[in-house]
C-alpha atoms as a PDB file:
ATOM      1  CA  MET A   1       0.000   0.000   0.000  1.00  0.00           C
ATOM      2  CA  LYS A   2       3.016   2.318  -0.122  1.00  0.00           C
ATOM      3  CA  ARG A   3       1.942   3.730  -3.490  1.00  0.00           C
ATOM      4  CA  ALA A   4      -1.606   4.486  -2.364  1.00  0.00           C
ATOM      5  CA  THR A   5      -2.527   8.174  -2.505  1.00  0.00           C
ATOM      6  CA  LEU A   6      -4.505  10.377  -0.131  1.00  0.00           C
ATOM      7  CA  ARG A   7      -6.994  10.940  -2.953  1.00  0.00           C
ATOM      8  CA  GLN A   8      -7.600   7.203  -3.234  1.00  0.00           C
ATOM      9  CA  PHE A   9      -8.116   6.907   0.516  1.00  0.00           C
ATOM     10  CA  LYS A  10     -10.596   9.815   0.438  1.00  0.00           C
ATOM     11  CA  ILE A  11     -12.554   8.246  -2.414  1.00  0.00           C
ATOM     12  CA  PHE A  12     -12.650   4.827  -0.779  1.00  0.00           C
ATOM     13  CA  GLU A  13     -13.764   6.289   2.555  1.00  0.00           C
ATOM     14  CA  ALA A  14     -16.704   7.954   0.805  1.00  0.00           C
ATOM     15  CA  VAL A  15     -17.645   4.698  -0.947  1.00  0.00           C
ATOM     16  CA  ALA A  16     -17.468   2.826   2.366  1.00  0.00           C
ATOM     17  CA  ARG A  17     -19.571   5.451   4.162  1.00  0.00           C
ATOM     18  CA  HIS A  18     -22.307   5.551   1.533  1.00  0.00           C
ATOM     19  CA  CYS A  19     -22.112   1.879   0.484  1.00  0.00           C
ATOM     20  CA  SER A  20     -22.477   3.268  -3.023  1.00  0.00           C
ATOM     21  CA  PHE A  21     -20.150   4.288  -5.855  1.00  0.00           C
ATOM     22  CA  SER A  22     -22.681   6.718  -7.312  1.00  0.00           C
ATOM     23  CA  ARG A  23     -23.375   8.546  -4.028  1.00  0.00           C
ATOM     24  CA  ALA A  24     -19.644   8.794  -3.326  1.00  0.00           C
ATOM     25  CA  ALA A  25     -19.180  10.244  -6.818  1.00  0.00           C
ATOM     26  CA  GLU A  26     -21.886  12.850  -6.143  1.00  0.00           C
ATOM     27  CA  GLU A  27     -20.297  13.883  -2.851  1.00  0.00           C
ATOM     28  CA  LEU A  28     -16.829  14.216  -4.372  1.00  0.00           C
ATOM     29  CA  HIS A  29     -18.038  15.793  -7.657  1.00  0.00           C
ATOM     30  CA  LEU A  30     -16.536  12.976  -9.693  1.00  0.00           C
ATOM     31  CA  THR A  31     -17.918  10.600 -12.275  1.00  0.00           C
ATOM     32  CA  GLN A  32     -18.849   7.096 -11.163  1.00  0.00           C
ATOM     33  CA  PRO A  33     -16.276   5.500 -13.532  1.00  0.00           C
ATOM     34  CA  ALA A  34     -13.564   7.678 -11.958  1.00  0.00           C
ATOM     35  CA  VAL A  35     -14.531   6.481  -8.474  1.00  0.00           C
ATOM     36  CA  SER A  36     -14.638   2.848  -9.592  1.00  0.00           C
ATOM     37  CA  MET A  37     -11.222   3.188 -11.210  1.00  0.00           C
ATOM     38  CA  GLN A  38      -9.617   4.542  -8.034  1.00  0.00           C
ATOM     39  CA  VAL A  39     -11.159   1.808  -5.870  1.00  0.00           C
ATOM     40  CA  GLN A  40      -9.926  -0.786  -8.363  1.00  0.00           C
ATOM     41  CA  ALA A  41      -6.434   0.726  -8.153  1.00  0.00           C
ATOM     42  CA  LEU A  42      -6.558   0.367  -4.337  1.00  0.00           C
ATOM     43  CA  GLU A  43      -7.656  -3.256  -4.671  1.00  0.00           C
ATOM     44  CA  ASP A  44      -4.691  -3.915  -7.000  1.00  0.00           C
ATOM     45  CA  LEU A  45      -2.324  -2.384  -4.416  1.00  0.00           C
ATOM     46  CA  ALA A  46      -3.922  -4.330  -1.555  1.00  0.00           C
ATOM     47  CA  GLY A  47      -3.963  -7.604  -3.478  1.00  0.00           C
ATOM     48  CA  LEU A  48      -7.404  -8.316  -1.977  1.00  0.00           C
ATOM     49  CA  PRO A  49     -10.971  -7.469  -2.955  1.00  0.00           C
ATOM     50  CA  LEU A  50     -12.250  -4.497  -0.965  1.00  0.00           C
ATOM     51  CA  THR A  51     -15.884  -4.439  -2.069  1.00  0.00           C
ATOM     52  CA  GLU A  52     -18.547  -6.743  -3.368  1.00  0.00           C
ATOM     53  CA  GLN A  53     -21.896  -6.022  -4.963  1.00  0.00           C
ATOM     54  CA  ALA A  54     -25.045  -6.760  -2.940  1.00  0.00           C
ATOM     55  CA  GLY A  55     -27.928  -5.835  -5.205  1.00  0.00           C
ATOM     56  CA  LYS A  56     -27.710  -2.098  -5.818  1.00  0.00           C
ATOM     57  CA  LYS A  57     -25.536  -1.577  -2.730  1.00  0.00           C
ATOM     58  CA  VAL A  58     -21.830  -2.002  -2.221  1.00  0.00           C
ATOM     59  CA  ARG A  59     -20.745  -4.183   0.670  1.00  0.00           C
ATOM     60  CA  LEU A  60     -17.252  -4.100   2.165  1.00  0.00           C
ATOM     61  CA  THR A  61     -15.186  -7.232   2.495  1.00  0.00           C
ATOM     62  CA  ALA A  62     -13.148  -7.852   5.656  1.00  0.00           C
ATOM     63  CA  ALA A  63     -10.170  -6.208   3.936  1.00  0.00           C
ATOM     64  CA  GLY A  64     -12.413  -3.318   2.904  1.00  0.00           C
ATOM     65  CA  GLU A  65     -13.641  -2.796   6.469  1.00  0.00           C
ATOM     66  CA  GLU A  66     -10.069  -2.580   7.726  1.00  0.00           C
ATOM     67  CA  LEU A  67      -8.997  -0.197   4.969  1.00  0.00           C
ATOM     68  CA  ALA A  68     -12.044   1.981   5.626  1.00  0.00           C
ATOM     69  CA  ARG A  69     -11.043   2.275   9.308  1.00  0.00           C
ATOM     70  CA  GLN A  70      -7.538   3.282   8.290  1.00  0.00           C
ATOM     71  CA  ALA A  71      -8.898   5.774   5.743  1.00  0.00           C
ATOM     72  CA  ARG A  72     -11.003   7.424   8.453  1.00  0.00           C
ATOM     73  CA  ARG A  73      -7.931   7.679  10.680  1.00  0.00           C
ATOM     74  CA  VAL A  74      -5.961   9.324   7.879  1.00  0.00           C
ATOM     75  CA  ALA A  75      -8.781  11.823   7.322  1.00  0.00           C
ATOM     76  CA  GLU A  76      -8.936  12.558  11.051  1.00  0.00           C
ATOM     77  CA  GLN A  77      -5.190  13.106  11.286  1.00  0.00           C
ATOM     78  CA  LEU A  78      -5.302  15.506   8.345  1.00  0.00           C
ATOM     79  CA  ARG A  79      -8.138  17.415  10.007  1.00  0.00           C
ATOM     80  CA  GLU A  80      -6.227  17.629  13.285  1.00  0.00           C
ATOM     81  CA  ALA A  81      -3.112  18.790  11.447  1.00  0.00           C
ATOM     82  CA  GLY A  82      -5.098  21.571   9.789  1.00  0.00           C
ATOM     83  CA  GLU A  83      -6.611  22.696  13.078  1.00  0.00           C
ATOM     84  CA  ALA A  84      -3.242  22.587  14.840  1.00  0.00           C
ATOM     85  CA  LEU A  85      -1.773  24.854  12.172  1.00  0.00           C
ATOM     86  CA  ALA A  86      -4.775  27.150  12.448  1.00  0.00           C
ATOM     87  CA  ALA A  87      -4.232  27.321  16.212  1.00  0.00           C
ATOM     88  CA  LEU A  88      -0.630  28.371  15.685  1.00  0.00           C
ATOM     89  CA  LYS A  89      -1.947  31.236  13.571  1.00  0.00           C
ATOM     90  CA  GLY A  90      -4.316  32.229  16.342  1.00  0.00           C
ATOM     91  CA  VAL A  91      -7.355  31.261  14.295  1.00  0.00           C
ATOM     92  CA  GLU A  92     -10.379  29.769  16.083  1.00  0.00           C
ATOM     93  CA  ALA A  93     -11.850  27.516  13.438  1.00  0.00           C
ATOM     94  CA  GLY A  94     -12.100  23.874  12.494  1.00  0.00           C
ATOM     95  CA  ARG A  95     -14.753  21.196  12.824  1.00  0.00           C
ATOM     96  CA  LEU A  96     -15.995  19.775  16.131  1.00  0.00           C
ATOM     97  CA  LYS A  97     -17.752  16.403  16.082  1.00  0.00           C
ATOM     98  CA  ILE A  98     -19.989  15.762  19.092  1.00  0.00           C
ATOM     99  CA  GLY A  99     -21.927  12.589  19.884  1.00  0.00           C
ATOM    100  CA  VAL A 100     -24.977  12.741  22.139  1.00  0.00           C
ATOM    101  CA  VAL A 101     -26.918   9.879  23.727  1.00  0.00           C
ATOM    102  CA  SER A 102     -30.599  10.012  22.820  1.00  0.00           C
ATOM    103  CA  THR A 103     -31.756  11.195  26.260  1.00  0.00           C
ATOM    104  CA  ALA A 104     -29.576  14.314  25.924  1.00  0.00           C
ATOM    105  CA  LYS A 105     -31.130  15.356  22.605  1.00  0.00           C
ATOM    106  CA  TYR A 106     -33.713  17.388  24.525  1.00  0.00           C
ATOM    107  CA  PHE A 107     -31.135  19.975  25.586  1.00  0.00           C
ATOM    108  CA  ALA A 108     -28.012  19.402  23.428  1.00  0.00           C
ATOM    109  CA  PRO A 109     -29.138  21.561  20.466  1.00  0.00           C
ATOM    110  CA  SER A 110     -29.584  24.613  22.688  1.00  0.00           C
ATOM    111  CA  LEU A 111     -26.103  24.088  24.147  1.00  0.00           C
ATOM    112  CA  LEU A 112     -24.573  23.852  20.694  1.00  0.00           C
ATOM    113  CA  ALA A 113     -26.489  26.898  19.498  1.00  0.00           C
ATOM    114  CA  GLU A 114     -25.091  29.000  22.352  1.00  0.00           C
ATOM    115  CA  PHE A 115     -21.567  27.668  21.777  1.00  0.00           C
ATOM    116  CA  ARG A 116     -21.864  28.437  18.066  1.00  0.00           C
ATOM    117  CA  ARG A 117     -23.014  31.975  18.875  1.00  0.00           C
ATOM    118  CA  ARG A 118     -19.843  32.505  20.904  1.00  0.00           C
ATOM    119  CA  HIS A 119     -17.571  30.709  18.442  1.00  0.00           C
ATOM    120  CA  PRO A 120     -19.015  31.317  14.954  1.00  0.00           C
ATOM    121  CA  GLY A 121     -15.867  30.086  13.214  1.00  0.00           C
ATOM    122  CA  VAL A 122     -16.329  26.507  14.444  1.00  0.00           C
ATOM    123  CA  GLU A 123     -18.183  24.013  12.249  1.00  0.00           C
ATOM    124  CA  LEU A 124     -20.285  21.707  14.434  1.00  0.00           C
ATOM    125  CA  GLN A 125     -21.306  18.164  13.576  1.00  0.00           C
ATOM    126  CA  LEU A 126     -23.871  16.546  15.908  1.00  0.00           C
ATOM    127  CA  THR A 127     -24.611  12.817  16.107  1.00  0.00           C
ATOM    128  CA  VAL A 128     -27.529  11.546  18.215  1.00  0.00           C
ATOM    129  CA  ASN A 129     -27.772   7.828  18.908  1.00  0.00           C
ATOM    130  CA  ASN A 130     -28.136   5.215  21.634  1.00  0.00           C
ATOM    131  CA  ARG A 131     -25.360   4.783  24.156  1.00  0.00           C
ATOM    132  CA  GLY A 132     -23.825   1.713  22.514  1.00  0.00           C
ATOM    133  CA  THR A 133     -23.401   3.478  19.188  1.00  0.00           C
ATOM    134  CA  ILE A 134     -21.963   6.627  20.788  1.00  0.00           C
ATOM    135  CA  VAL A 135     -19.426   4.502  22.676  1.00  0.00           C
ATOM    136  CA  ARG A 136     -18.402   2.838  19.391  1.00  0.00           C
ATOM    137  CA  ASN A 137     -18.101   6.262  17.767  1.00  0.00           C
ATOM    138  CA  LEU A 138     -15.735   7.321  20.552  1.00  0.00           C
ATOM    139  CA  ALA A 139     -13.725   4.118  20.265  1.00  0.00           C
ATOM    140  CA  ASP A 140     -13.347   4.538  16.495  1.00  0.00           C
ATOM    141  CA  ASN A 141     -12.459   8.232  16.866  1.00  0.00           C
ATOM    142  CA  ASP A 142     -15.468   9.143  14.725  1.00  0.00           C
ATOM    143  CA  ILE A 143     -16.423  11.852  17.236  1.00  0.00           C
ATOM    144  CA  ASP A 144     -14.294  14.183  19.343  1.00  0.00           C
ATOM    145  CA  LEU A 145     -16.518  14.470  22.414  1.00  0.00           C
ATOM    146  CA  ALA A 146     -19.593  12.714  23.778  1.00  0.00           C
ATOM    147  CA  ILE A 147     -22.370  13.876  26.074  1.00  0.00           C
ATOM    148  CA  MET A 148     -23.567  10.930  28.163  1.00  0.00           C
ATOM    149  CA  GLY A 149     -24.211   9.753  31.697  1.00  0.00           C
ATOM    150  CA  THR A 150     -22.080   6.675  32.300  1.00  0.00           C
ATOM    151  CA  PRO A 151     -18.657   6.751  30.604  1.00  0.00           C
ATOM    152  CA  PRO A 152     -17.511   3.594  28.803  1.00  0.00           C
ATOM    153  CA  ASN A 153     -15.303   1.081  30.581  1.00  0.00           C
ATOM    154  CA  GLU A 154     -14.062  -0.575  27.370  1.00  0.00           C
ATOM    155  CA  PHE A 155     -11.264   2.004  27.027  1.00  0.00           C
ATOM    156  CA  GLU A 156      -9.798   4.867  29.046  1.00  0.00           C
ATOM    157  CA  THR A 157     -11.589   8.194  28.928  1.00  0.00           C
ATOM    158  CA  VAL A 158     -11.693  11.599  30.547  1.00  0.00           C
ATOM    159  CA  ALA A 159     -15.217  12.185  31.893  1.00  0.00           C
ATOM    160  CA  LYS A 160     -16.046  15.683  33.158  1.00  0.00           C
ATOM    161  CA  ILE A 161     -19.286  16.176  35.115  1.00  0.00           C
ATOM    162  CA  PHE A 162     -21.097  19.318  33.981  1.00  0.00           C
ATOM    163  CA  ALA A 163     -24.672  18.948  35.310  1.00  0.00           C
ATOM    164  CA  GLU A 164     -26.996  16.953  37.542  1.00  0.00           C
ATOM    165  CA  HIS A 165     -29.254  14.404  35.836  1.00  0.00           C
ATOM    166  CA  PRO A 166     -32.380  13.452  37.818  1.00  0.00           C
ATOM    167  CA  LEU A 167     -34.289  10.269  36.959  1.00  0.00           C
ATOM    168  CA  VAL A 168     -37.926   9.856  38.009  1.00  0.00           C
ATOM    169  CA  PHE A 169     -40.841   7.433  37.786  1.00  0.00           C
ATOM    170  CA  ILE A 170     -43.714   8.568  35.590  1.00  0.00           C
ATOM    171  CA  ALA A 171     -47.346   7.557  35.143  1.00  0.00           C
ATOM    172  CA  ALA A 172     -50.462   8.703  33.347  1.00  0.00           C
ATOM    173  CA  PRO A 173     -52.129  11.563  35.292  1.00  0.00           C
ATOM    174  CA  ASP A 174     -55.142   9.393  36.156  1.00  0.00           C
ATOM    175  CA  HIS A 175     -53.047   6.541  37.555  1.00  0.00           C
ATOM    176  CA  PRO A 176     -54.030   5.566  41.164  1.00  0.00           C
ATOM    177  CA  LEU A 177     -50.526   6.433  42.414  1.00  0.00           C
ATOM    178  CA  ALA A 178     -50.471   9.924  40.895  1.00  0.00           C
ATOM    179  CA  GLY A 179     -50.605  12.485  43.701  1.00  0.00           C
ATOM    180  CA  LYS A 180     -49.786  10.037  46.499  1.00  0.00           C
ATOM    181  CA  ARG A 181     -46.798  10.734  48.775  1.00  0.00           C
ATOM    182  CA  ASN A 182     -43.834   8.585  49.863  1.00  0.00           C
ATOM    183  CA  ILE A 183     -44.835   5.555  47.803  1.00  0.00           C
ATOM    184  CA  ASP A 184     -43.031   2.337  48.760  1.00  0.00           C
ATOM    185  CA  PRO A 185     -40.818   1.249  45.806  1.00  0.00           C
ATOM    186  CA  LYS A 186     -42.164  -2.316  46.215  1.00  0.00           C
ATOM    187  CA  ARG A 187     -45.517  -0.986  44.960  1.00  0.00           C
ATOM    188  CA  LEU A 188     -43.897  -0.823  41.512  1.00  0.00           C
ATOM    189  CA  ALA A 189     -44.122  -4.610  41.240  1.00  0.00           C
ATOM    190  CA  GLU A 190     -47.915  -4.346  40.993  1.00  0.00           C
ATOM    191  CA  ASP A 191     -47.750  -2.435  37.689  1.00  0.00           C
ATOM    192  CA  THR A 192     -46.200  -3.074  34.299  1.00  0.00           C
ATOM    193  CA  LEU A 193     -42.789  -1.413  34.107  1.00  0.00           C
ATOM    194  CA  LEU A 194     -41.647  -0.069  30.756  1.00  0.00           C
ATOM    195  CA  PHE A 195     -37.882  -0.513  30.221  1.00  0.00           C
ATOM    196  CA  ARG A 196     -35.458   0.972  27.719  1.00  0.00           C
ATOM    197  CA  GLU A 197     -33.383  -1.373  25.580  1.00  0.00           C
ATOM    198  CA  PRO A 198     -30.361  -3.294  27.011  1.00  0.00           C
ATOM    199  CA  GLY A 199     -27.279  -1.102  27.194  1.00  0.00           C
ATOM    200  CA  SER A 200     -29.255   2.046  27.952  1.00  0.00           C
ATOM    201  CA  GLY A 201     -27.900   4.055  30.877  1.00  0.00           C
ATOM    202  CA  THR A 202     -31.441   4.759  32.074  1.00  0.00           C
ATOM    203  CA  ARG A 203     -32.241   1.046  32.077  1.00  0.00           C
ATOM    204  CA  SER A 204     -29.099   0.276  34.098  1.00  0.00           C
ATOM    205  CA  ALA A 205     -30.059   2.908  36.667  1.00  0.00           C
ATOM    206  CA  LEU A 206     -33.586   1.463  36.927  1.00  0.00           C
ATOM    207  CA  GLU A 207     -32.268  -2.071  37.408  1.00  0.00           C
ATOM    208  CA  ARG A 208     -29.951  -0.846  40.192  1.00  0.00           C
ATOM    209  CA  PHE A 209     -32.839   0.954  41.891  1.00  0.00           C
ATOM    210  CA  LEU A 210     -35.103  -2.120  41.778  1.00  0.00           C
ATOM    211  CA  ASP A 211     -32.299  -4.333  43.076  1.00  0.00           C
ATOM    212  CA  GLU A 212     -31.336  -1.972  45.925  1.00  0.00           C
ATOM    213  CA  HIS A 213     -34.960  -1.689  47.065  1.00  0.00           C
ATOM    214  CA  GLN A 214     -35.637  -5.407  46.595  1.00  0.00           C
ATOM    215  CA  VAL A 215     -38.595  -4.781  44.322  1.00  0.00           C
ATOM    216  CA  PRO A 216     -40.064  -8.153  43.247  1.00  0.00           C
ATOM    217  CA  ALA A 217     -40.113  -8.932  39.554  1.00  0.00           C
ATOM    218  CA  GLY A 218     -43.400  -7.946  37.933  1.00  0.00           C
ATOM    219  CA  ALA A 219     -44.745  -7.479  34.417  1.00  0.00           C
ATOM    220  CA  ARG A 220     -42.264  -5.779  32.100  1.00  0.00           C
ATOM    221  CA  MET A 221     -42.245  -4.366  28.596  1.00  0.00           C
ATOM    222  CA  GLU A 222     -39.193  -3.233  26.600  1.00  0.00           C
ATOM    223  CA  LEU A 223     -39.362  -0.158  24.363  1.00  0.00           C
ATOM    224  CA  GLY A 224     -36.639   1.389  22.260  1.00  0.00           C
ATOM    225  CA  SER A 225     -36.843   5.140  22.834  1.00  0.00           C
ATOM    226  CA  ASN A 226     -37.874   7.803  25.319  1.00  0.00           C
ATOM    227  CA  GLU A 227     -40.570   9.070  22.972  1.00  0.00           C
ATOM    228  CA  THR A 228     -42.143   5.626  22.659  1.00  0.00           C
ATOM    229  CA  ILE A 229     -42.020   5.168  26.431  1.00  0.00           C
ATOM    230  CA  LYS A 230     -43.707   8.514  27.050  1.00  0.00           C
ATOM    231  CA  GLN A 231     -46.482   7.722  24.587  1.00  0.00           C
ATOM    232  CA  ALA A 232     -46.955   4.274  26.165  1.00  0.00           C
ATOM    233  CA  VAL A 233     -47.174   5.725  29.683  1.00  0.00           C
ATOM    234  CA  MET A 234     -49.667   8.373  28.563  1.00  0.00           C
ATOM    235  CA  ALA A 235     -51.744   5.596  26.968  1.00  0.00           C
ATOM    236  CA  GLY A 236     -51.856   3.755  30.299  1.00  0.00           C
ATOM    237  CA  LEU A 237     -49.647   0.803  29.361  1.00  0.00           C
ATOM    238  CA  GLY A 238     -47.638   1.063  32.568  1.00  0.00           C
ATOM    239  CA  LEU A 239     -45.118   3.040  34.591  1.00  0.00           C
ATOM    240  CA  SER A 240     -41.590   3.942  33.586  1.00  0.00           C
ATOM    241  CA  PHE A 241     -38.325   5.431  34.822  1.00  0.00           C
ATOM    242  CA  ILE A 242     -37.016   8.284  32.739  1.00  0.00           C
ATOM    243  CA  SER A 243     -34.829  11.365  32.714  1.00  0.00           C
ATOM    244  CA  GLU A 244     -36.632  14.364  34.161  1.00  0.00           C
ATOM    245  CA  HIS A 245     -34.961  16.368  31.411  1.00  0.00           C
ATOM    246  CA  THR A 246     -37.089  14.620  28.779  1.00  0.00           C
ATOM    247  CA  ILE A 247     -40.590  15.277  30.120  1.00  0.00           C
ATOM    248  CA  GLY A 248     -40.817  19.043  30.637  1.00  0.00           C
ATOM    249  CA  LEU A 249     -43.385  19.599  27.881  1.00  0.00           C
ATOM    250  CA  GLU A 250     -45.597  16.649  28.842  1.00  0.00           C
ATOM    251  CA  ARG A 251     -45.636  17.683  32.512  1.00  0.00           C
ATOM    252  CA  SER A 252     -46.438  21.302  31.684  1.00  0.00           C
ATOM    253  CA  VAL A 253     -49.569  20.307  29.763  1.00  0.00           C
ATOM    254  CA  GLY A 254     -50.652  17.659  32.261  1.00  0.00           C
ATOM    255  CA  ARG A 255     -50.033  14.604  30.086  1.00  0.00           C
ATOM    256  CA  LEU A 256     -47.598  12.912  32.498  1.00  0.00           C
ATOM    257  CA  ALA A 257     -47.302  12.749  36.283  1.00  0.00           C
ATOM    258  CA  VAL A 258     -44.090  12.267  38.252  1.00  0.00           C
ATOM    259  CA  LEU A 259     -44.631   9.734  41.033  1.00  0.00           C
ATOM    260  CA  ASN A 260     -43.476  10.470  44.562  1.00  0.00           C
ATOM    261  CA  ILE A 261     -41.609   7.181  45.009  1.00  0.00           C
ATOM    262  CA  SER A 262     -39.401   7.088  48.106  1.00  0.00           C
ATOM    263  CA  ASP A 263     -35.708   7.736  47.413  1.00  0.00           C
ATOM    264  CA  THR A 264     -36.407   9.426  44.090  1.00  0.00           C
ATOM    265  CA  PRO A 265     -35.473  11.262  42.027  1.00  0.00           C
ATOM    266  CA  VAL A 266     -32.302   9.243  41.539  1.00  0.00           C
ATOM    267  CA  LYS A 267     -29.507  11.728  40.963  1.00  0.00           C
ATOM    268  CA  ARG A 268     -26.994  10.902  38.276  1.00  0.00           C
ATOM    269  CA  GLN A 269     -24.724  13.250  36.374  1.00  0.00           C
ATOM    270  CA  TRP A 270     -24.242  14.389  32.816  1.00  0.00           C
ATOM    271  CA  ARG A 271     -20.655  14.046  31.626  1.00  0.00           C
ATOM    272  CA  LEU A 272     -18.605  15.313  28.730  1.00  0.00           C
ATOM    273  CA  VAL A 273     -16.454  12.365  27.669  1.00  0.00           C
ATOM    274  CA  TYR A 274     -13.440  11.964  25.407  1.00  0.00           C
ATOM    275  CA  ARG A 275     -10.693   9.424  24.941  1.00  0.00           C
ATOM    276  CA  THR A 276      -7.685   9.794  27.230  1.00  0.00           C
ATOM    277  CA  ASP A 277      -5.379   9.605  24.208  1.00  0.00           C
ATOM    278  CA  LYS A 278      -7.407  12.183  22.271  1.00  0.00           C
ATOM    279  CA  ARG A 279      -5.471  15.313  21.388  1.00  0.00           C
ATOM    280  CA  LEU A 280      -8.038  18.066  21.765  1.00  0.00           C
ATOM    281  CA  MET A 281      -7.926  20.738  19.105  1.00  0.00           C
ATOM    282  CA  PRO A 282      -8.737  24.381  20.007  1.00  0.00           C
ATOM    283  CA  ALA A 283     -12.434  24.029  19.146  1.00  0.00           C
ATOM    284  CA  ALA A 284     -12.797  20.958  21.364  1.00  0.00           C
ATOM    285  CA  THR A 285     -10.896  22.617  24.205  1.00  0.00           C
ATOM    286  CA  ALA A 286     -13.161  25.648  23.943  1.00  0.00           C
ATOM    287  CA  PHE A 287     -16.243  23.404  24.124  1.00  0.00           C
ATOM    288  CA  VAL A 288     -14.927  21.581  27.210  1.00  0.00           C
ATOM    289  CA  GLN A 289     -14.412  24.936  28.936  1.00  0.00           C
ATOM    290  CA  PHE A 290     -17.833  26.148  27.779  1.00  0.00           C
ATOM    291  CA  MET A 291     -19.608  23.093  29.193  1.00  0.00           C
ATOM    292  CA  ASP A 292     -17.733  23.356  32.476  1.00  0.00           C
ATOM    293  CA  SER A 293     -18.827  26.949  33.012  1.00  0.00           C
ATOM    294  CA  GLU A 294     -22.220  27.103  31.291  1.00  0.00           C
ATOM    295  CA  GLY A 295     -23.568  23.566  30.795  1.00  0.00           C
ATOM    296  CA  SER A 296     -25.562  23.227  34.002  1.00  0.00           C
ATOM    297  CA  ARG A 297     -27.129  26.696  33.766  1.00  0.00           C
ATOM    298  CA  LEU A 298     -28.161  26.262  30.147  1.00  0.00           C
ATOM    299  CA  ILE A 299     -29.754  22.864  30.793  1.00  0.00           C
ATOM    300  CA  GLU A 300     -31.714  24.344  33.695  1.00  0.00           C
ATOM    301  CA  THR A 301     -32.918  27.126  31.412  1.00  0.00           C
ATOM    302  CA  GLN A 302     -33.842  24.710  28.632  1.00  0.00           C
ATOM    303  CA  VAL A 303     -35.773  22.082  30.582  1.00  0.00           C
ATOM    304  CA  GLY A 304     -37.175  24.339  33.333  1.00  0.00           C
ATOM    305  CA  ARG A 305     -36.601  24.258  37.056  1.00  0.00           C
ATOM    306  CA  GLN A 306     -37.713  21.331  39.193  1.00  0.00           C
ATOM    307  CA  SER A 307     -41.314  21.311  40.284  1.00  0.00           C
ATOM    308  CA  PRO A 308     -41.930  22.095  44.003  1.00  0.00           C
ATOM    309  CA  ASP A 309     -42.642  18.480  44.937  1.00  0.00           C
ATOM    310  CA  THR A 310     -39.460  17.293  43.229  1.00  0.00           C
ATOM    311  CA  ALA A 311     -37.348  20.009  44.776  1.00  0.00           C
ATOM    312  CA  ALA A 312     -38.644  19.175  48.238  1.00  0.00           C
ATOM    313  CA  ARG A 313     -37.407  15.612  47.859  1.00  0.00           C
ATOM    314  CA  ALA A 314     -34.044  16.507  46.307  1.00  0.00           C
ATOM    315  CA  PRO A 315     -31.857  16.384  49.466  1.00  0.00           C
ATOM    316  CA  LYS A 316     -33.071  12.867  50.370  1.00  0.00           C
ATOM    317  CA  ALA A 317     -32.598  11.720  46.789  1.00  0.00           C
ATOM    318  CA  ALA A 318     -29.094  13.121  46.696  1.00  0.00           C
ATOM    319  CA  ARG A 319     -28.192  11.192  49.829  1.00  0.00           C
ATOM    320  CA  SER A 320     -29.607   7.929  48.498  1.00  0.00           C
ATOM    321  CA  GLY A 321     -28.443   8.134  44.894  1.00  0.00           C
ATOM    322  CA  GLY A 322     -25.558  10.605  44.856  1.00  0.00           C
ATOM    323  CA  LYS A 323     -22.891   7.995  45.417  1.00  0.00           C
ATOM    324  CA  LYS A 324     -23.851   6.052  42.341  1.00  0.00           C
ATOM    325  CA  PRO A 325     -21.720   6.485  39.251  1.00  0.00           C
ATOM    326  CA  GLY A 326     -23.287   8.497  36.493  1.00  0.00           C
END
């Protein structure tokens, strides 16, 4: 592969990302035959097939997957080199790639909008996905920073807490438990509990809570997103455990009720996470500093302050849940 060119790597990375020669050609403003020719040249240098046709889509071989990973690394190193040179010139510019777990999508756009207002020269790229995908994005260096609760343990990271993250039990407003005080957690076993998918940070926190309070196993249902869970709870399918930051609108219009379960809300933390070996460029460093100083205040502004009944229970919740990792 010594004779491979940066142009060939760039073309192949686009083909791998789109799983299509034609879409890669459109992105790069090339003809499809030109793209095919460059990929063929890379295959000749590699001595292995890199792609195979699967209907109208292009599928990568094992060799193609590996070369695509290396091509992304080359592109990332070139980007970092450009930003490092820009920093030496005193220029605040460059691209910042941020990954956000799905629960944080309710406040992340407002944070990025404020950061962009203060740093208009920075190009922002936002990815929203489930926790497992965001962790993989971090591992593959596809994103610079991640906003999440629990940092990954598969590799070493820096995880900076920037805000509190309360988790609460919710029900339909006409549920028999709505409005009651100091509800015994064991009462949860009498209702259907709606869980997020395996790997979700919210699900892990719920499972810890049920285990710590020795709540017997009851009827359960698994749903794949916060929006689906909220709709299911409003329809009366059961109770659920969810980030308080995701239900501001539904609470304000009386579509959801927060249950006064003892030892809740469970207090976790929001963290800004990046790989320990990640060399932060000026834009990323500026965002880390921005989140440290402004993140908590902006989230509070975006999602609204805690309701009086939640605030009254906050000290007890902090004592019971504050020692748990985020």
